[in-house]
């Protein structure tokens, strides 16, 4: 089973997302920033089962577009779900395998997009904005 990594510096928001996604997917973990996520990706025993990264657009430290670009240098085909405000531009993400989900969204929408991204046969170009 593929795992999900949530990159979120807000402990409450991350806990809520982990609890919700954890009811539907077996392995959901969280780190608080992009640097920690990139270190974790370097661990082969973690990276081999990683199927999705969920991150915000505006992040302290390494921001969303820079983080996704760096992440895709290490794992080019890894899908990334970017959560952001509606005024953020999906065009800032030049990599394939990026899905942009504007806030606010409900749990059903998050669950549907997450499920689609974890499907092994959907590894073709995922760059899109979800309305």
N, C-alpha and C. Protein backbone atom coordinates (compact mmCIF):
# COMPACT_ATOMS: atom_id res chain seq x y z
N UNK A 1 0.85 -1.19 0.00
CA UNK A 1 0.00 0.00 0.00
C UNK A 1 0.89 1.24 0.00
N UNK A 2 0.54 2.19 -0.83
CA UNK A 2 1.30 3.43 -0.93
C UNK A 2 0.98 4.34 0.26
N UNK A 3 1.98 5.12 0.66
CA UNK A 3 1.79 6.03 1.79
C UNK A 3 1.61 7.46 1.31
N UNK A 4 1.07 8.27 2.22
CA UNK A 4 0.83 9.70 1.99
C UNK A 4 1.68 10.48 2.97
N UNK A 5 2.36 11.52 2.50
CA UNK A 5 3.11 12.41 3.36
C UNK A 5 2.47 13.79 3.31
N UNK A 6 2.08 14.29 4.48
CA UNK A 6 1.52 15.64 4.60
C UNK A 6 2.63 16.56 5.09
N UNK A 7 2.84 17.66 4.39
CA UNK A 7 3.83 18.65 4.77
C UNK A 7 3.06 19.89 5.22
N UNK A 8 2.99 20.09 6.54
CA UNK A 8 2.17 21.18 7.08
C UNK A 8 2.74 21.64 8.41
N UNK A 9 2.96 22.93 8.54
CA UNK A 9 3.51 23.48 9.77
C UNK A 9 2.44 23.79 10.82
N UNK A 10 1.20 23.65 10.49
CA UNK A 10 0.10 23.89 11.43
C UNK A 10 -0.31 22.56 12.06
N UNK A 11 0.04 22.32 13.32
CA UNK A 11 -0.24 21.02 13.94
C UNK A 11 -1.72 20.65 13.97
N UNK A 12 -2.60 21.62 14.21
CA UNK A 12 -4.03 21.32 14.26
C UNK A 12 -4.56 20.92 12.89
N UNK A 13 -4.25 21.71 11.89
CA UNK A 13 -4.71 21.41 10.54
C UNK A 13 -4.14 20.06 10.07
N UNK A 14 -2.87 19.83 10.34
CA UNK A 14 -2.25 18.57 9.93
C UNK A 14 -2.88 17.38 10.65
N UNK A 15 -3.18 17.54 11.94
CA UNK A 15 -3.80 16.45 12.70
C UNK A 15 -5.18 16.12 12.16
N UNK A 16 -5.94 17.14 11.82
CA UNK A 16 -7.27 16.92 11.26
C UNK A 16 -7.19 16.18 9.92
N UNK A 17 -6.26 16.62 9.08
CA UNK A 17 -6.11 15.99 7.77
C UNK A 17 -5.62 14.54 7.93
N UNK A 18 -4.68 14.33 8.85
CA UNK A 18 -4.17 12.97 9.09
C UNK A 18 -5.27 12.06 9.61
N UNK A 19 -6.08 12.56 10.53
CA UNK A 19 -7.17 11.74 11.07
C UNK A 19 -8.18 11.39 9.98
N UNK A 20 -8.54 12.36 9.17
CA UNK A 20 -9.51 12.13 8.10
C UNK A 20 -8.96 11.15 7.07
N UNK A 21 -7.77 11.42 6.55
CA UNK A 21 -7.19 10.55 5.53
C UNK A 21 -6.83 9.18 6.10
N UNK A 22 -6.45 9.14 7.36
CA UNK A 22 -6.09 7.88 8.01
C UNK A 22 -7.24 6.91 8.11
N UNK A 23 -8.47 7.41 8.07
CA UNK A 23 -9.64 6.53 8.07
C UNK A 23 -9.82 5.82 6.74
N UNK A 24 -9.20 6.35 5.69
CA UNK A 24 -9.40 5.82 4.34
C UNK A 24 -8.14 5.22 3.73
N UNK A 25 -6.99 5.62 4.22
CA UNK A 25 -5.72 5.14 3.69
C UNK A 25 -4.86 4.66 4.86
N UNK A 26 -4.14 3.56 4.65
CA UNK A 26 -3.48 2.91 5.78
C UNK A 26 -2.26 3.65 6.32
N UNK A 27 -1.50 4.32 5.49
CA UNK A 27 -0.28 4.96 5.97
C UNK A 27 -0.27 6.44 5.61
N UNK A 28 -0.46 7.27 6.62
CA UNK A 28 -0.42 8.72 6.46
C UNK A 28 0.54 9.25 7.52
N UNK A 29 1.54 10.01 7.08
CA UNK A 29 2.48 10.61 8.02
C UNK A 29 2.59 12.10 7.74
N UNK A 30 3.26 12.79 8.67
CA UNK A 30 3.34 14.25 8.58
C UNK A 30 4.71 14.74 8.99
N UNK A 31 5.18 15.75 8.29
CA UNK A 31 6.35 16.52 8.69
C UNK A 31 5.94 17.98 8.72
N UNK A 32 6.70 18.78 9.44
CA UNK A 32 6.28 20.17 9.61
C UNK A 32 6.82 21.13 8.56
N UNK A 33 7.84 20.72 7.80
CA UNK A 33 8.34 21.64 6.78
C UNK A 33 8.97 20.90 5.60
N UNK A 34 9.25 21.66 4.56
CA UNK A 34 9.76 21.08 3.32
C UNK A 34 11.14 20.46 3.52
N UNK A 35 11.99 21.08 4.31
CA UNK A 35 13.33 20.54 4.54
C UNK A 35 13.25 19.16 5.18
N UNK A 36 12.38 19.02 6.16
CA UNK A 36 12.19 17.73 6.82
C UNK A 36 11.65 16.69 5.82
N UNK A 37 10.75 17.11 4.96
CA UNK A 37 10.20 16.20 3.94
C UNK A 37 11.28 15.73 2.99
N UNK A 38 12.14 16.65 2.55
CA UNK A 38 13.20 16.28 1.62
C UNK A 38 14.20 15.32 2.27
N UNK A 39 14.48 15.51 3.55
CA UNK A 39 15.35 14.56 4.27
C UNK A 39 14.71 13.19 4.35
N UNK A 40 13.42 13.15 4.61
CA UNK A 40 12.70 11.89 4.72
C UNK A 40 12.68 11.14 3.38
N UNK A 41 12.55 11.88 2.30
CA UNK A 41 12.51 11.29 0.96
C UNK A 41 13.85 10.60 0.64
N UNK A 42 14.91 11.06 1.26
CA UNK A 42 16.24 10.48 1.03
C UNK A 42 16.39 9.10 1.68
N UNK A 43 15.48 8.73 2.55
CA UNK A 43 15.53 7.43 3.21
C UNK A 43 14.83 6.40 2.32
N UNK A 44 15.59 5.47 1.74
CA UNK A 44 15.00 4.53 0.77
C UNK A 44 13.82 3.74 1.33
N UNK A 45 13.88 3.34 2.59
CA UNK A 45 12.78 2.54 3.16
C UNK A 45 11.49 3.36 3.25
N UNK A 46 11.59 4.67 3.34
CA UNK A 46 10.40 5.52 3.33
C UNK A 46 9.98 5.83 1.89
N UNK A 47 10.93 6.21 1.09
CA UNK A 47 10.65 6.69 -0.27
C UNK A 47 10.05 5.62 -1.17
N UNK A 48 10.40 4.37 -0.95
CA UNK A 48 9.94 3.31 -1.84
C UNK A 48 8.42 3.14 -1.84
N UNK A 49 7.78 3.42 -0.70
CA UNK A 49 6.32 3.27 -0.60
C UNK A 49 5.56 4.58 -0.68
N UNK A 50 6.27 5.68 -0.87
CA UNK A 50 5.61 6.98 -0.91
C UNK A 50 4.84 7.13 -2.21
N UNK A 51 3.52 7.39 -2.08
CA UNK A 51 2.67 7.50 -3.26
C UNK A 51 2.11 8.88 -3.51
N UNK A 52 2.19 9.77 -2.49
CA UNK A 52 1.60 11.10 -2.63
C UNK A 52 2.15 12.03 -1.56
N UNK A 53 2.42 13.27 -1.95
CA UNK A 53 2.77 14.32 -1.00
C UNK A 53 1.68 15.38 -1.08
N UNK A 54 1.19 15.80 0.09
CA UNK A 54 0.21 16.88 0.18
C UNK A 54 0.90 18.04 0.87
N UNK A 55 0.89 19.20 0.25
CA UNK A 55 1.56 20.37 0.80
C UNK A 55 0.77 21.63 0.52
N UNK A 56 1.12 22.69 1.20
CA UNK A 56 0.49 23.98 0.95
C UNK A 56 1.29 24.77 -0.07
N UNK A 57 0.66 25.78 -0.62
CA UNK A 57 1.31 26.65 -1.60
C UNK A 57 2.25 27.62 -0.88
N UNK A 58 1.76 28.28 0.15
CA UNK A 58 2.57 29.23 0.92
C UNK A 58 3.13 28.50 2.13
N UNK A 59 4.44 28.29 2.13
CA UNK A 59 5.10 27.58 3.21
C UNK A 59 6.23 28.45 3.74
N UNK A 60 6.47 28.40 5.05
CA UNK A 60 7.67 29.05 5.55
C UNK A 60 8.90 28.27 5.08
N UNK A 61 10.01 28.95 4.91
CA UNK A 61 11.21 28.27 4.42
C UNK A 61 11.11 28.08 2.92
N UNK A 62 11.24 26.85 2.48
CA UNK A 62 11.14 26.54 1.06
C UNK A 62 9.67 26.61 0.67
N UNK A 63 9.30 27.56 -0.19
CA UNK A 63 7.90 27.74 -0.59
C UNK A 63 7.41 26.62 -1.48
N UNK A 64 6.11 26.58 -1.71
CA UNK A 64 5.48 25.52 -2.47
C UNK A 64 6.11 25.19 -3.81
N UNK A 65 6.22 26.15 -4.74
CA UNK A 65 6.80 25.82 -6.05
C UNK A 65 8.25 25.33 -5.97
N UNK A 66 9.06 25.96 -5.12
CA UNK A 66 10.46 25.54 -4.98
C UNK A 66 10.54 24.15 -4.35
N UNK A 67 9.68 23.89 -3.37
CA UNK A 67 9.67 22.58 -2.72
C UNK A 67 9.28 21.49 -3.72
N UNK A 68 8.24 21.72 -4.49
CA UNK A 68 7.78 20.73 -5.46
C UNK A 68 8.87 20.48 -6.51
N UNK A 69 9.53 21.53 -6.97
CA UNK A 69 10.61 21.36 -7.95
C UNK A 69 11.75 20.52 -7.37
N UNK A 70 12.12 20.80 -6.14
CA UNK A 70 13.19 20.04 -5.47
C UNK A 70 12.75 18.60 -5.23
N UNK A 71 11.53 18.41 -4.83
CA UNK A 71 10.99 17.07 -4.60
C UNK A 71 11.03 16.24 -5.88
N UNK A 72 10.66 16.87 -6.99
CA UNK A 72 10.63 16.15 -8.27
C UNK A 72 12.02 15.91 -8.84
N UNK A 73 13.03 16.59 -8.34
CA UNK A 73 14.41 16.22 -8.71
C UNK A 73 14.75 14.86 -8.12
N UNK A 74 14.21 14.57 -6.94
CA UNK A 74 14.48 13.31 -6.25
C UNK A 74 13.53 12.19 -6.70
N UNK A 75 12.26 12.52 -6.88
CA UNK A 75 11.24 11.53 -7.28
C UNK A 75 10.36 12.17 -8.36
N UNK A 76 10.82 12.13 -9.61
CA UNK A 76 10.12 12.85 -10.69
C UNK A 76 8.67 12.47 -10.92
N UNK A 77 8.30 11.24 -10.67
CA UNK A 77 6.94 10.79 -10.97
C UNK A 77 6.01 10.83 -9.77
N UNK A 78 6.47 11.35 -8.66
CA UNK A 78 5.66 11.39 -7.45
C UNK A 78 4.57 12.45 -7.57
N UNK A 79 3.30 12.07 -7.41
CA UNK A 79 2.24 13.07 -7.46
C UNK A 79 2.26 13.95 -6.22
N UNK A 80 1.94 15.23 -6.42
CA UNK A 80 1.89 16.21 -5.34
C UNK A 80 0.55 16.92 -5.41
N UNK A 81 -0.11 16.99 -4.28
CA UNK A 81 -1.36 17.74 -4.15
C UNK A 81 -1.05 19.03 -3.42
N UNK A 82 -1.25 20.16 -4.08
CA UNK A 82 -0.97 21.47 -3.51
C UNK A 82 -2.29 22.10 -3.07
N UNK A 83 -2.38 22.42 -1.77
CA UNK A 83 -3.56 23.07 -1.22
C UNK A 83 -3.27 24.56 -1.10
N UNK A 84 -4.15 25.39 -1.66
CA UNK A 84 -3.86 26.83 -1.66
C UNK A 84 -5.14 27.64 -1.75
N UNK A 85 -4.98 28.91 -1.49
CA UNK A 85 -6.10 29.84 -1.63
C UNK A 85 -6.44 29.99 -3.11
N UNK A 86 -7.66 30.38 -3.39
CA UNK A 86 -8.12 30.47 -4.78
C UNK A 86 -7.31 31.44 -5.63
N UNK A 87 -6.71 32.48 -5.00
CA UNK A 87 -5.97 33.46 -5.78
C UNK A 87 -4.55 33.02 -6.12
N UNK A 88 -4.11 31.89 -5.59
CA UNK A 88 -2.78 31.36 -5.93
C UNK A 88 -2.82 30.80 -7.35
N UNK A 89 -1.71 30.87 -8.03
CA UNK A 89 -1.68 30.48 -9.44
C UNK A 89 -1.08 29.09 -9.64
N UNK A 90 -1.88 28.14 -10.16
CA UNK A 90 -1.33 26.82 -10.47
C UNK A 90 -0.20 26.88 -11.48
N UNK A 91 -0.14 27.95 -12.28
CA UNK A 91 0.90 28.08 -13.30
C UNK A 91 2.30 28.23 -12.68
N UNK A 92 2.38 28.48 -11.38
CA UNK A 92 3.68 28.58 -10.72
C UNK A 92 4.36 27.22 -10.60
N UNK A 93 3.63 26.16 -10.88
CA UNK A 93 4.15 24.80 -10.78
C UNK A 93 4.38 24.28 -12.18
N UNK A 94 5.65 24.19 -12.57
CA UNK A 94 5.97 23.80 -13.94
C UNK A 94 6.08 22.29 -14.10
N UNK A 95 6.19 21.56 -13.00
CA UNK A 95 6.35 20.11 -13.07
C UNK A 95 5.03 19.42 -13.37
N UNK A 96 5.14 18.28 -14.04
CA UNK A 96 3.99 17.41 -14.20
C UNK A 96 3.71 16.75 -12.85
N UNK A 97 2.63 16.06 -12.76
CA UNK A 97 2.25 15.33 -11.54
C UNK A 97 1.94 16.25 -10.38
N UNK A 98 1.43 17.43 -10.67
CA UNK A 98 1.01 18.37 -9.64
C UNK A 98 -0.48 18.65 -9.82
N UNK A 99 -1.22 18.48 -8.74
CA UNK A 99 -2.64 18.82 -8.74
C UNK A 99 -2.84 19.94 -7.74
N UNK A 100 -3.56 20.94 -8.12
CA UNK A 100 -3.78 22.14 -7.34
C UNK A 100 -5.22 22.14 -6.84
N UNK A 101 -5.42 22.12 -5.53
CA UNK A 101 -6.77 22.11 -4.94
C UNK A 101 -6.98 23.40 -4.15
N UNK A 102 -7.83 24.30 -4.68
CA UNK A 102 -8.05 25.57 -3.98
C UNK A 102 -8.92 25.39 -2.73
N UNK A 103 -8.58 26.18 -1.71
CA UNK A 103 -9.37 26.21 -0.48
C UNK A 103 -10.47 27.23 -0.64
N UNK A 104 -11.58 27.07 0.00
CA UNK A 104 -11.93 25.96 0.88
C UNK A 104 -12.41 24.76 0.06
N UNK A 105 -12.21 23.58 0.60
CA UNK A 105 -12.69 22.35 -0.02
C UNK A 105 -13.25 21.48 1.11
N UNK A 106 -14.12 20.57 0.74
CA UNK A 106 -14.67 19.69 1.78
C UNK A 106 -13.90 18.36 1.79
N UNK A 107 -14.17 17.58 2.80
CA UNK A 107 -13.47 16.31 2.97
C UNK A 107 -13.69 15.36 1.82
N UNK A 108 -14.89 15.36 1.26
CA UNK A 108 -15.17 14.47 0.13
C UNK A 108 -14.30 14.81 -1.08
N UNK A 109 -14.10 16.09 -1.33
CA UNK A 109 -13.27 16.52 -2.45
C UNK A 109 -11.82 16.10 -2.21
N UNK A 110 -11.31 16.32 -0.99
CA UNK A 110 -9.94 15.91 -0.65
C UNK A 110 -9.78 14.41 -0.81
N UNK A 111 -10.75 13.66 -0.33
CA UNK A 111 -10.70 12.21 -0.42
C UNK A 111 -10.71 11.74 -1.88
N UNK A 112 -11.56 12.32 -2.69
CA UNK A 112 -11.65 11.94 -4.11
C UNK A 112 -10.35 12.22 -4.85
N UNK A 113 -9.79 13.40 -4.66
CA UNK A 113 -8.55 13.76 -5.35
C UNK A 113 -7.40 12.89 -4.86
N UNK A 114 -7.32 12.67 -3.56
CA UNK A 114 -6.27 11.83 -3.00
C UNK A 114 -6.36 10.41 -3.56
N UNK A 115 -7.54 9.85 -3.60
CA UNK A 115 -7.73 8.52 -4.15
C UNK A 115 -7.31 8.42 -5.60
N UNK A 116 -7.65 9.43 -6.39
CA UNK A 116 -7.28 9.43 -7.81
C UNK A 116 -5.76 9.48 -7.97
N UNK A 117 -5.11 10.27 -7.14
CA UNK A 117 -3.66 10.42 -7.26
C UNK A 117 -2.90 9.17 -6.83
N UNK A 118 -3.49 8.37 -5.97
CA UNK A 118 -2.83 7.16 -5.50
C UNK A 118 -3.04 5.96 -6.42
N UNK A 119 -3.90 6.09 -7.41
CA UNK A 119 -4.13 4.99 -8.34
C UNK A 119 -2.88 4.76 -9.18
N UNK A 120 -2.36 3.54 -9.21
CA UNK A 120 -1.13 3.28 -9.96
C UNK A 120 -1.27 3.49 -11.46
N UNK A 121 -2.46 3.33 -12.02
CA UNK A 121 -2.62 3.47 -13.47
C UNK A 121 -2.86 4.92 -13.90
N UNK A 122 -2.81 5.85 -12.95
CA UNK A 122 -3.02 7.26 -13.32
C UNK A 122 -1.70 8.02 -13.29
N UNK A 123 -0.61 7.36 -13.68
CA UNK A 123 0.71 7.99 -13.60
C UNK A 123 1.02 8.92 -14.78
N UNK A 124 0.07 9.09 -15.70
CA UNK A 124 0.28 10.04 -16.77
C UNK A 124 0.23 11.46 -16.22
N UNK A 125 0.45 12.42 -17.06
CA UNK A 125 0.54 13.82 -16.63
C UNK A 125 -0.67 14.23 -15.80
N UNK A 126 -0.42 14.65 -14.57
CA UNK A 126 -1.48 15.00 -13.64
C UNK A 126 -1.62 16.50 -13.44
N UNK A 127 -0.83 17.31 -14.14
CA UNK A 127 -0.86 18.74 -13.88
C UNK A 127 -2.24 19.30 -14.19
N UNK A 128 -2.89 19.78 -13.15
CA UNK A 128 -4.23 20.33 -13.33
C UNK A 128 -4.63 21.11 -12.10
N UNK A 129 -5.62 21.91 -12.27
CA UNK A 129 -6.24 22.60 -11.13
C UNK A 129 -7.59 21.95 -10.92
N UNK A 130 -7.92 21.68 -9.68
CA UNK A 130 -9.20 21.08 -9.36
C UNK A 130 -10.13 22.19 -8.90
N UNK A 131 -11.29 22.27 -9.50
CA UNK A 131 -12.23 23.33 -9.13
C UNK A 131 -13.06 22.93 -7.94
